[in-house]
Amino acid sequence: MARATRSAPTLSDVARHAGVSLATASRAINGSETRTVGEDLRRRVAESARLLGYAPNANAQAMARGATRTIGVVVHDLTDPYFAAIADGIATAATERKLFLTLATTGNNLAALGDVVTSLDSMRVRAIILVGARWKDPDLQDALMASIDQYVGRGGRVVALGMDFPGVDCVQVANEAGATALAEELVALGYRRPLVLTGPERHSTAASRATAFTHRMKQLGHPVPDANQITSDFTRAGGTVGMRLAIEGGLTYDVIVAMNDVMALGALNEATRSGISIPADAGLTGFGDISTLVDVTPGLTTVRVPSGQLARLGLDLALSGPGDGTGSITVGVTPVLRDSTPALRDSAPASR
């Protein structure tokens, strides 16, 4: 009879045995350039490692002590100006610190995040910054967390920008507050019947913005009918498709509210192509305030997300944050009113 082989103990096993977080176990065994562990705690982790037969990895110790100079950055779509701006901001901040950048993209396939983390782990990058939203899918999250745990166990550090995971330091965007403020601004301008291009239901950023916006509209006495909430991709093409569905459905609306700027640009193109004048026939808003909006006519009302601040905070957390989820930060956003949403004067919503 073949004898069952026992897999080698991992740093996660040591952390569980010692009753500490994975990040603490990593600092205790691999060391850290920026944070230390108390002597009693270090001895407890070391004893657990001895009892389990865990052997530290030299590459992991180099990563934890800051010996490597490369930062891995993962974005969903490099053609999206929002992601490009954040990646550029991280690159600029990294260069100032004499660090190198390895940039990876999921191609808008959020299920690929775990594989990308594993690939960057094999390259022994010092830290990984994940930029963008996550899917509301337990299986996808479990797969990603398994990759993150393995990487952290080797001494790496992970920071998420715009998404949240247990035990991972995050830089969050105040999406709900921004969407709520946008609803209040539109109602103050006289808009009463929005067409909401919600983005995918399982997309965490899109869902939080759409839910907050429609909730506030209802509180203000202007509930958004289900028919006026259209689900499509969180992309320019998604905005085009959503607008086309609204036109073909003959929906009534006085303002089109897209959950990001590139969706709004897709909607603008489709509306114009179909003979709908923005803002004469309907207002239009986005979310993000991407840099390319300077070339858009009419000027697009949106919610400004400070991408440069996000980038720098993300790198700071990756290099010197606690590494256990307690260093999470929320960045505020601000509605920006432009020509695409002029004040209305007793005008009835258009039917398209």
Protein backbone atom coordinates (compact mmCIF):
# COMPACT_ATOMS: atom_id res chain seq x y z
CA MET A 1 0.00 0.00 0.00
CA ALA A 2 1.29 3.41 -0.97
CA ARG A 3 1.98 5.72 1.93
CA ALA A 4 0.15 9.07 1.84
CA THR A 5 2.53 11.98 1.61
CA ARG A 6 2.08 15.00 3.82
CA SER A 7 2.37 18.40 2.20
CA ALA A 8 4.95 20.80 3.57
CA PRO A 9 3.58 23.24 6.17
CA THR A 10 2.88 26.75 4.93
CA LEU A 11 3.16 30.10 6.64
CA SER A 12 -0.65 30.12 6.85
CA ASP A 13 -0.40 26.93 8.94
CA VAL A 14 2.11 28.62 11.22
CA ALA A 15 -0.11 31.69 11.60
CA ARG A 16 -3.12 29.55 12.55
CA HIS A 17 -1.06 27.52 15.01
CA ALA A 18 0.33 30.65 16.67
CA GLY A 19 -3.06 32.41 16.65
CA VAL A 20 -1.85 35.44 14.67
CA SER A 21 -2.59 36.98 11.28
CA LEU A 22 -0.71 35.89 8.20
CA ALA A 23 0.90 39.33 7.95
CA THR A 24 2.15 39.13 11.54
CA ALA A 25 3.55 35.64 11.01
CA SER A 26 5.36 36.88 7.90
CA ARG A 27 6.89 39.81 9.76
CA ALA A 28 7.93 37.56 12.65
CA ILE A 29 9.70 35.01 10.44
CA ASN A 30 10.75 36.94 7.34
CA GLY A 31 11.37 40.31 8.93
CA SER A 32 10.09 43.65 7.66
CA GLU A 33 11.66 46.84 6.39
CA THR A 34 9.12 49.06 8.14
CA ARG A 35 7.40 47.15 10.96
CA THR A 36 8.64 44.99 13.82
CA VAL A 37 7.04 42.31 15.95
CA GLY A 38 7.35 42.13 19.73
CA GLU A 39 9.87 39.61 21.06
CA ASP A 40 7.24 37.48 22.83
CA LEU A 41 5.11 37.29 19.71
CA ARG A 42 8.15 36.54 17.55
CA ARG A 43 9.11 33.64 19.84
CA ARG A 44 5.56 32.27 19.74
CA VAL A 45 5.53 32.27 15.96
CA ALA A 46 9.02 30.79 15.82
CA GLU A 47 7.98 27.99 18.18
CA SER A 48 4.94 27.21 16.02
CA ALA A 49 7.21 27.11 12.96
CA ARG A 50 9.57 24.72 14.75
CA LEU A 51 6.77 22.42 15.89
CA LEU A 52 5.25 22.28 12.41
CA GLY A 53 8.59 21.94 10.64
CA TYR A 54 8.18 25.10 8.61
CA ALA A 55 11.27 26.37 6.78
CA PRO A 56 11.32 30.06 5.73
CA ASN A 57 11.99 30.93 2.11
CA ALA A 58 14.98 33.12 1.29
CA ASN A 59 13.11 34.91 -1.48
CA ALA A 60 10.27 35.66 0.93
CA GLN A 61 12.70 37.17 3.42
CA ALA A 62 14.21 39.34 0.70
CA MET A 63 10.77 40.62 -0.32
CA ALA A 64 9.69 41.35 3.25
CA ARG A 65 12.90 43.22 4.02
CA GLY A 66 12.54 45.43 0.98
CA ALA A 67 15.48 43.90 -0.91
CA THR A 68 13.51 43.71 -4.15
CA ARG A 69 12.71 46.98 -5.92
CA THR A 70 9.78 46.00 -8.13
CA ILE A 71 6.10 46.79 -7.50
CA GLY A 72 3.40 44.85 -9.33
CA VAL A 73 0.30 46.81 -10.42
CA VAL A 74 -2.82 45.08 -11.77
CA VAL A 75 -5.56 46.99 -13.61
CA HIS A 76 -8.63 45.74 -15.44
CA ASP A 77 -8.44 47.80 -18.63
CA LEU A 78 -5.48 49.92 -19.75
CA THR A 79 -7.60 51.55 -22.47
CA ASP A 80 -9.81 53.10 -19.77
CA PRO A 81 -8.39 56.56 -18.92
CA TYR A 82 -9.34 56.05 -15.24
CA PHE A 83 -7.10 52.99 -14.87
CA ALA A 84 -4.39 54.54 -17.04
CA ALA A 85 -4.29 57.63 -14.82
CA ILE A 86 -3.93 55.58 -11.63
CA ALA A 87 -1.24 53.37 -13.17
CA ASP A 88 0.63 56.47 -14.30
CA GLY A 89 0.32 58.00 -10.82
CA ILE A 90 1.74 54.87 -9.20
CA ALA A 91 4.56 54.78 -11.76
CA THR A 92 5.47 58.41 -11.03
CA ALA A 93 5.45 57.86 -7.26
CA ALA A 94 7.46 54.65 -7.64
CA THR A 95 10.11 56.38 -9.77
CA GLU A 96 10.52 59.04 -7.08
CA ARG A 97 11.34 56.22 -4.64
CA LYS A 98 13.71 54.52 -7.09
CA LEU A 99 11.36 51.58 -7.52
CA PHE A 100 10.46 49.71 -10.70
CA LEU A 101 6.95 48.89 -11.92
CA THR A 102 5.58 45.71 -13.46
CA LEU A 103 2.16 46.41 -14.98
CA ALA A 104 -0.39 43.67 -15.66
CA THR A 105 -3.98 43.74 -16.89
CA THR A 106 -6.89 41.33 -16.56
CA GLY A 107 -8.46 42.54 -19.81
CA ASN A 108 -11.69 43.17 -17.85
CA ASN A 109 -11.74 39.49 -16.85
CA LEU A 110 -12.01 39.80 -13.08
CA ALA A 111 -11.83 36.02 -12.75
CA ALA A 112 -8.20 36.28 -13.90
CA LEU A 113 -7.08 38.32 -10.87
CA GLY A 114 -5.95 35.29 -8.89
CA ASP A 115 -3.82 34.00 -11.77
CA VAL A 116 -2.25 37.43 -12.26
CA VAL A 117 -1.35 37.62 -8.56
CA THR A 118 0.22 34.17 -8.78
CA SER A 119 2.26 35.23 -11.83
CA LEU A 120 3.52 38.36 -10.06
CA ASP A 121 4.31 36.22 -7.01
CA SER A 122 6.54 34.02 -9.20
CA MET A 123 8.38 37.19 -10.26
CA ARG A 124 9.09 37.97 -6.59
CA VAL A 125 7.75 41.52 -6.73
CA ARG A 126 7.99 43.41 -3.46
CA ALA A 127 4.31 44.41 -3.33
CA ILE A 128 1.18 44.10 -5.46
CA ILE A 129 -1.41 46.85 -5.94
CA LEU A 130 -4.78 45.69 -7.27
CA VAL A 131 -6.67 48.53 -8.99
CA GLY A 132 -10.40 48.38 -9.68
CA ALA A 133 -13.54 46.66 -8.50
CA ARG A 134 -14.28 43.04 -7.71
CA TRP A 135 -17.12 40.73 -8.63
CA LYS A 136 -19.68 39.89 -5.96
CA ASP A 137 -18.90 36.20 -6.39
CA PRO A 138 -17.73 34.08 -3.41
CA ASP A 139 -15.95 31.55 -5.65
CA LEU A 140 -13.94 34.23 -7.45
CA GLN A 141 -13.10 35.93 -4.16
CA ASP A 142 -11.98 32.65 -2.58
CA ALA A 143 -9.69 31.93 -5.54
CA LEU A 144 -8.18 35.40 -5.36
CA MET A 145 -7.71 35.24 -1.60
CA ALA A 146 -5.90 31.91 -1.95
CA SER A 147 -3.41 33.56 -4.32
CA ILE A 148 -3.07 36.58 -2.02
CA ASP A 149 -2.49 34.38 1.04
CA GLN A 150 0.22 32.45 -0.76
CA TYR A 151 1.95 35.65 -1.84
CA VAL A 152 1.71 37.28 1.60
CA GLY A 153 2.97 34.06 3.09
CA ARG A 154 6.12 34.47 1.02
CA GLY A 155 6.67 37.92 2.52
CA GLY A 156 4.87 40.07 -0.05
CA ARG A 157 2.40 42.86 0.58
CA VAL A 158 -0.95 43.47 -1.15
CA VAL A 159 -3.00 46.67 -1.37
CA ALA A 160 -6.37 47.04 -3.10
CA LEU A 161 -7.54 50.29 -4.70
CA GLY A 162 -11.31 50.48 -5.10
CA MET A 163 -12.07 47.04 -3.72
CA ASP A 164 -12.05 45.45 -0.28
CA PHE A 165 -10.87 42.07 0.94
CA PRO A 166 -10.53 40.73 4.50
CA GLY A 167 -7.05 41.24 5.89
CA VAL A 168 -5.91 43.40 2.96
CA ASP A 169 -5.13 47.11 3.25
CA CYS A 170 -7.41 49.09 0.91
CA VAL A 171 -7.81 52.57 -0.51
CA GLN A 172 -11.55 52.92 -0.99
CA VAL A 173 -13.47 55.47 -3.04
CA ALA A 174 -16.51 57.05 -1.35
CA ASN A 175 -18.77 55.78 -4.14
CA GLU A 176 -22.00 55.80 -2.14
CA ALA A 177 -21.46 59.35 -0.88
CA GLY A 178 -20.62 60.55 -4.39
CA ALA A 179 -23.68 58.93 -5.97
CA THR A 180 -25.89 60.31 -3.21
CA ALA A 181 -24.52 63.84 -3.72
CA LEU A 182 -25.02 63.53 -7.48
CA ALA A 183 -28.71 62.62 -6.97
CA GLU A 184 -29.18 65.67 -4.75
CA GLU A 185 -27.52 67.97 -7.30
CA LEU A 186 -29.68 66.67 -10.16
CA VAL A 187 -32.91 67.05 -8.20
CA ALA A 188 -31.88 70.60 -7.28
CA LEU A 189 -31.45 71.30 -11.01
CA GLY A 190 -34.97 70.07 -11.71
CA TYR A 191 -34.36 66.52 -12.94
CA ARG A 192 -36.99 64.03 -11.83
CA ARG A 193 -36.85 60.92 -14.05
CA PRO A 194 -33.34 59.57 -14.62
CA LEU A 195 -32.31 56.75 -16.91
CA VAL A 196 -29.67 54.86 -14.93
CA LEU A 197 -27.03 52.84 -16.79
CA THR A 198 -26.14 50.68 -13.81
CA GLY A 199 -23.27 48.55 -15.05
CA PRO A 200 -23.08 44.83 -14.16
CA GLU A 201 -25.05 43.77 -11.07
CA ARG A 202 -22.09 41.78 -9.66
CA HIS A 203 -19.56 44.58 -10.19
CA SER A 204 -18.94 46.00 -6.71
CA THR A 205 -18.24 49.61 -7.77
CA ALA A 206 -21.11 49.81 -10.24
CA ALA A 207 -23.53 48.25 -7.78
CA SER A 208 -22.59 50.54 -4.89
CA ARG A 209 -22.96 53.67 -7.03
CA ALA A 210 -26.24 52.64 -8.67
CA THR A 211 -27.80 51.48 -5.41
CA ALA A 212 -26.85 54.68 -3.57
CA PHE A 213 -28.10 56.88 -6.41
CA THR A 214 -31.50 55.20 -6.77
CA HIS A 215 -31.94 55.02 -2.99
CA ARG A 216 -31.37 58.76 -2.63
CA MET A 217 -33.70 59.54 -5.54
CA LYS A 218 -36.42 57.54 -3.80
CA GLN A 219 -35.79 59.40 -0.54
CA LEU A 220 -36.15 62.68 -2.41
CA GLY A 221 -39.53 61.61 -3.74
CA HIS A 222 -38.48 60.51 -7.23
CA PRO A 223 -38.14 56.72 -7.30
CA VAL A 224 -36.47 55.31 -10.41
CA PRO A 225 -38.68 52.72 -12.20
CA ASP A 226 -37.08 49.32 -12.72
CA ALA A 227 -37.45 49.80 -16.48
CA ASN A 228 -35.22 52.88 -16.23
CA GLN A 229 -32.38 50.90 -14.64
CA ILE A 230 -30.46 49.20 -17.45
CA THR A 231 -27.68 46.69 -16.83
CA SER A 232 -24.73 46.58 -19.23
CA ASP A 233 -20.94 46.34 -19.17
CA PHE A 234 -18.90 48.85 -17.16
CA THR A 235 -17.27 50.05 -20.40
CA ARG A 236 -17.79 52.51 -23.26
CA ALA A 237 -19.42 49.71 -25.25
CA GLY A 238 -21.68 49.03 -22.26
CA GLY A 239 -22.84 52.64 -22.31
CA THR A 240 -23.59 52.36 -26.01
CA VAL A 241 -25.60 49.16 -25.51
CA GLY A 242 -27.49 50.57 -22.52
CA MET A 243 -28.45 53.70 -24.45
CA ARG A 244 -29.57 51.65 -27.45
CA LEU A 245 -31.80 49.50 -25.22
CA ALA A 246 -33.36 52.63 -23.71
CA ILE A 247 -34.09 54.09 -27.14
CA GLU A 248 -35.55 50.86 -28.50
CA GLY A 249 -37.65 50.49 -25.34
CA GLY A 250 -39.19 53.95 -25.76
CA LEU A 251 -38.29 54.89 -22.17
CA THR A 252 -39.11 58.28 -20.67
CA TYR A 253 -36.27 60.16 -18.95
CA ASP A 254 -34.90 63.64 -18.49
CA VAL A 255 -31.30 62.76 -17.57
CA ILE A 256 -29.01 59.80 -18.35
CA VAL A 257 -26.91 58.75 -15.36
CA ALA A 258 -24.00 56.42 -16.19
CA MET A 259 -21.98 54.75 -13.44
CA ASN A 260 -18.65 55.77 -14.96
CA ASP A 261 -17.41 58.29 -17.50
CA VAL A 262 -16.59 55.88 -20.32
CA MET A 263 -20.15 54.50 -20.13
CA ALA A 264 -21.41 58.08 -20.36
CA LEU A 265 -19.28 58.68 -23.47
CA GLY A 266 -20.69 55.55 -25.08
CA ALA A 267 -24.21 56.73 -24.26
CA LEU A 268 -23.44 60.20 -25.65
CA ASN A 269 -22.25 58.74 -28.94
CA GLU A 270 -25.30 56.50 -29.31
CA ALA A 271 -27.71 59.27 -28.35
CA THR A 272 -26.16 61.66 -30.87
CA ARG A 273 -26.19 58.99 -33.58
CA SER A 274 -29.90 58.43 -32.90
CA GLY A 275 -30.81 62.11 -33.13
CA ILE A 276 -31.04 62.79 -29.39
CA SER A 277 -29.45 66.12 -28.46
CA ILE A 278 -27.51 66.35 -25.19
CA PRO A 279 -28.48 68.39 -23.21
CA ALA A 280 -31.44 69.83 -25.16
CA ASP A 281 -33.40 66.54 -25.07
CA ALA A 282 -31.86 64.98 -21.95
CA GLY A 283 -29.06 65.64 -19.49
CA LEU A 284 -26.08 63.30 -19.09
CA THR A 285 -23.74 62.45 -16.23
CA GLY A 286 -20.82 60.14 -15.58
CA PHE A 287 -18.60 59.24 -12.61
CA GLY A 288 -14.83 59.57 -12.31
CA ASP A 289 -13.84 62.83 -14.08
CA ILE A 290 -11.30 61.18 -16.38
CA SER A 291 -8.74 63.46 -18.04
CA THR A 292 -10.10 63.01 -21.58
CA LEU A 293 -13.32 64.81 -20.62
CA VAL A 294 -11.59 68.09 -21.50
CA ASP A 295 -12.22 67.20 -25.15
CA VAL A 296 -15.92 66.30 -24.72
CA THR A 297 -18.74 68.60 -25.87
CA PRO A 298 -20.91 69.41 -24.03
CA GLY A 299 -18.80 69.38 -20.89
CA LEU A 300 -19.79 66.26 -18.93
CA THR A 301 -21.24 66.52 -15.43
CA THR A 302 -19.56 63.85 -13.33
CA VAL A 303 -18.23 62.96 -9.87
CA ARG A 304 -14.53 63.71 -9.46
CA VAL A 305 -12.40 60.82 -8.17
CA PRO A 306 -8.86 62.00 -7.25
CA SER A 307 -6.85 59.37 -9.15
CA GLY A 308 -3.48 60.91 -8.25
CA GLN A 309 -4.29 60.76 -4.55
CA LEU A 310 -5.47 57.17 -4.88
CA ALA A 311 -2.22 56.20 -6.58
CA ARG A 312 0.04 57.74 -3.96
CA LEU A 313 -1.94 56.41 -1.02
CA GLY A 314 -1.90 52.95 -2.58
CA LEU A 315 1.87 52.94 -2.96
CA ASP A 316 2.34 54.31 0.57
CA LEU A 317 0.22 51.48 1.99
CA ALA A 318 2.06 48.92 -0.11
CA LEU A 319 5.42 50.07 1.23
CA SER A 320 4.66 50.93 4.85
CA GLY A 321 1.05 50.08 5.72
CA PRO A 322 0.19 47.55 8.43
CA GLY A 323 -0.47 44.87 5.82
CA ASP A 324 -3.33 43.27 7.75
CA GLY A 325 -6.37 45.27 6.62
CA THR A 326 -6.29 47.78 9.46
CA GLY A 327 -4.68 50.47 7.30
CA SER A 328 -7.63 50.97 4.98
CA ILE A 329 -8.42 54.53 3.84
CA THR A 330 -11.48 56.09 2.18
CA VAL A 331 -10.97 58.92 -0.30
CA GLY A 332 -13.74 61.49 -0.75
CA VAL A 333 -15.25 62.45 -4.12
CA THR A 334 -17.01 65.58 -5.39
CA PRO A 335 -19.80 66.18 -7.95
CA VAL A 336 -18.71 68.48 -10.78
CA LEU A 337 -21.55 70.19 -12.68
CA ARG A 338 -20.98 71.05 -16.34
CA ASP A 339 -22.97 71.91 -19.46
CA SER A 340 -24.44 68.42 -19.92
CA THR A 341 -26.93 69.06 -17.06
CA PRO A 342 -28.35 72.59 -17.33
CA ALA A 343 -31.04 73.62 -14.85
CA LEU A 344 -34.55 72.69 -16.02
CA ARG A 345 -37.52 75.06 -15.94
CA ASP A 346 -40.80 73.16 -15.72
CA SER A 347 -39.96 71.00 -18.72
CA ALA A 348 -41.54 67.55 -19.06
CA PRO A 349 -39.24 64.55 -19.46
CA ALA A 350 -38.64 63.43 -23.03
CA SER A 351 -39.89 60.10 -24.37
CA ARG A 352 -37.48 58.32 -26.67
